[in-house]
């Protein structure tokens, strides 16, 4: 079963996304906002897709505050984790944000919150899963 790592600082969003992905998508879900955990899971190959919140309020890595863009940049810059699909998730859905965030981060896609079409949300994630 494919595993989605949700990097999210809002426990309600984490719970909603988890429920949608497990019930509709049949996916295994993990959640954290601990950057060390994200890096370890990515490097260990235990996750198949990462859902990355852009605005992480409490995330710190090596003593510095980091957001989802910075974490995505680190993962994409590391040859070991560069091919891991990452979907940015954000409530910042102003004109031009999508293109700007994707360009800055190197992420594989973008979903704006709130997620209205649950099946489309699941389909977007399933499309990024490695093909068997």
Protein backbone atom coordinates (compact mmCIF):
# COMPACT_ATOMS: atom_id res chain seq x y z
CA UNK A 1 0.00 0.00 0.00
CA UNK A 2 1.29 3.44 -0.93
CA UNK A 3 2.18 5.84 1.88
CA UNK A 4 1.53 9.58 1.86
CA UNK A 5 3.44 11.78 4.30
CA UNK A 6 1.43 14.86 5.22
CA UNK A 7 3.60 17.74 6.45
CA UNK A 8 1.05 20.00 8.09
CA UNK A 9 0.99 22.21 11.21
CA UNK A 10 -2.80 22.36 11.55
CA UNK A 11 -4.14 19.23 13.32
CA UNK A 12 -7.61 19.69 11.78
CA UNK A 13 -6.24 19.82 8.22
CA UNK A 14 -4.05 16.82 8.99
CA UNK A 15 -7.09 14.85 10.23
CA UNK A 16 -9.26 15.87 7.24
CA UNK A 17 -6.56 15.02 4.66
CA UNK A 18 -5.81 11.71 6.42
CA UNK A 19 -9.46 10.69 6.42
CA UNK A 20 -9.95 11.58 2.73
CA UNK A 21 -6.80 9.71 1.65
CA UNK A 22 -7.44 6.56 3.71
CA UNK A 23 -11.20 6.30 3.06
CA UNK A 24 -11.34 7.39 -0.61
CA UNK A 25 -7.85 6.52 -1.76
CA UNK A 26 -7.07 3.43 0.29
CA UNK A 27 -3.71 5.02 1.06
CA UNK A 28 -1.58 4.68 4.17
CA UNK A 29 -1.01 8.09 5.77
CA UNK A 30 1.60 9.51 8.14
CA UNK A 31 1.62 13.05 9.44
CA UNK A 32 4.23 15.30 10.99
CA UNK A 33 5.57 18.82 10.97
CA UNK A 34 8.91 17.71 12.44
CA UNK A 35 11.45 18.43 9.70
CA UNK A 36 13.88 15.77 10.98
CA UNK A 37 11.10 13.16 10.67
CA UNK A 38 10.30 14.36 7.14
CA UNK A 39 13.97 14.09 6.08
CA UNK A 40 14.39 10.65 7.69
CA UNK A 41 11.21 9.25 6.10
CA UNK A 42 12.17 10.64 2.69
CA UNK A 43 15.73 9.29 2.87
CA UNK A 44 14.61 5.92 4.19
CA UNK A 45 12.21 5.55 1.26
CA UNK A 46 9.27 4.78 3.57
CA UNK A 47 6.94 7.30 1.87
CA UNK A 48 5.76 7.44 -1.73
CA UNK A 49 4.40 11.00 -1.90
CA UNK A 50 4.68 14.07 0.35
CA UNK A 51 1.87 16.58 0.82
CA UNK A 52 3.73 19.71 1.94
CA UNK A 53 2.01 22.65 3.61
CA UNK A 54 3.68 25.84 2.38
CA UNK A 55 3.24 27.83 5.62
CA UNK A 56 4.58 25.82 8.52
CA UNK A 57 4.37 27.91 11.69
CA UNK A 58 6.51 25.79 14.00
CA UNK A 59 9.00 23.97 11.80
CA UNK A 60 12.68 24.32 12.60
CA UNK A 61 15.57 22.54 10.91
CA UNK A 62 19.16 22.75 12.16
CA UNK A 63 18.22 25.72 14.32
CA UNK A 64 16.49 27.72 11.58
CA UNK A 65 12.78 28.32 10.99
CA UNK A 66 11.78 26.72 7.68
CA UNK A 67 8.60 26.62 5.63
CA UNK A 68 7.34 24.02 3.17
CA UNK A 69 9.12 25.73 0.28
CA UNK A 70 12.51 25.44 2.03
CA UNK A 71 11.92 21.80 3.01
CA UNK A 72 10.89 20.96 -0.56
CA UNK A 73 14.03 22.69 -1.90
CA UNK A 74 16.21 20.60 0.45
CA UNK A 75 14.51 17.35 -0.60
CA UNK A 76 14.71 18.18 -4.32
CA UNK A 77 18.39 19.19 -4.01
CA UNK A 78 19.34 15.83 -2.46
CA UNK A 79 19.95 13.15 -5.13
CA UNK A 80 18.63 10.53 -2.69
CA UNK A 81 15.21 12.25 -2.40
CA UNK A 82 15.04 14.35 -5.58
CA UNK A 83 12.59 12.01 -7.34
CA UNK A 84 10.16 11.78 -4.42
CA UNK A 85 6.93 13.44 -5.58
CA UNK A 86 5.96 16.49 -3.50
CA UNK A 87 2.63 18.30 -3.74
CA UNK A 88 2.47 21.74 -2.14
CA UNK A 89 -0.73 22.45 -0.24
CA UNK A 90 -1.61 26.01 0.71
CA UNK A 91 -4.37 28.43 1.52
CA UNK A 92 -2.28 31.12 -0.24
CA UNK A 93 -4.10 30.88 -3.54
CA UNK A 94 -3.65 34.37 -4.92
CA UNK A 95 -3.01 34.95 -8.62
CA UNK A 96 0.56 33.96 -9.43
CA UNK A 97 1.19 32.11 -6.14
CA UNK A 98 0.97 28.66 -7.72
CA UNK A 99 3.58 29.41 -10.39
CA UNK A 100 5.82 31.23 -7.92
CA UNK A 101 5.69 28.46 -5.29
CA UNK A 102 6.28 25.71 -7.85
CA UNK A 103 9.21 27.56 -9.40
CA UNK A 104 10.83 28.37 -6.03
CA UNK A 105 10.40 24.91 -4.55
CA UNK A 106 10.76 22.51 -7.45
CA UNK A 107 7.63 20.69 -6.23
CA UNK A 108 5.70 18.37 -8.53
CA UNK A 109 2.32 20.01 -8.06
CA UNK A 110 0.11 22.36 -6.09
CA UNK A 111 -3.27 22.06 -4.37
CA UNK A 112 -5.06 25.00 -2.80
CA UNK A 113 -6.95 24.76 0.49
CA UNK A 114 -9.68 24.23 1.30
CA UNK A 115 -9.93 20.97 -0.64
CA UNK A 116 -13.45 20.95 -2.07
CA UNK A 117 -13.41 18.05 -4.55
CA UNK A 118 -12.20 15.13 -2.43
CA UNK A 119 -12.03 12.65 -5.32
CA UNK A 120 -9.96 15.05 -7.44
CA UNK A 121 -7.64 15.53 -4.44
CA UNK A 122 -7.15 11.75 -4.12
CA UNK A 123 -6.69 11.37 -7.90
CA UNK A 124 -3.96 14.05 -7.97
CA UNK A 125 -2.01 12.16 -5.31
CA UNK A 126 -2.53 8.74 -6.89
CA UNK A 127 -1.23 10.11 -10.24
CA UNK A 128 2.09 10.94 -8.54
CA UNK A 129 2.58 7.47 -7.06
CA UNK A 130 5.42 5.41 -8.53
CA UNK A 131 4.07 2.98 -11.11
CA UNK A 132 4.54 -0.64 -10.10
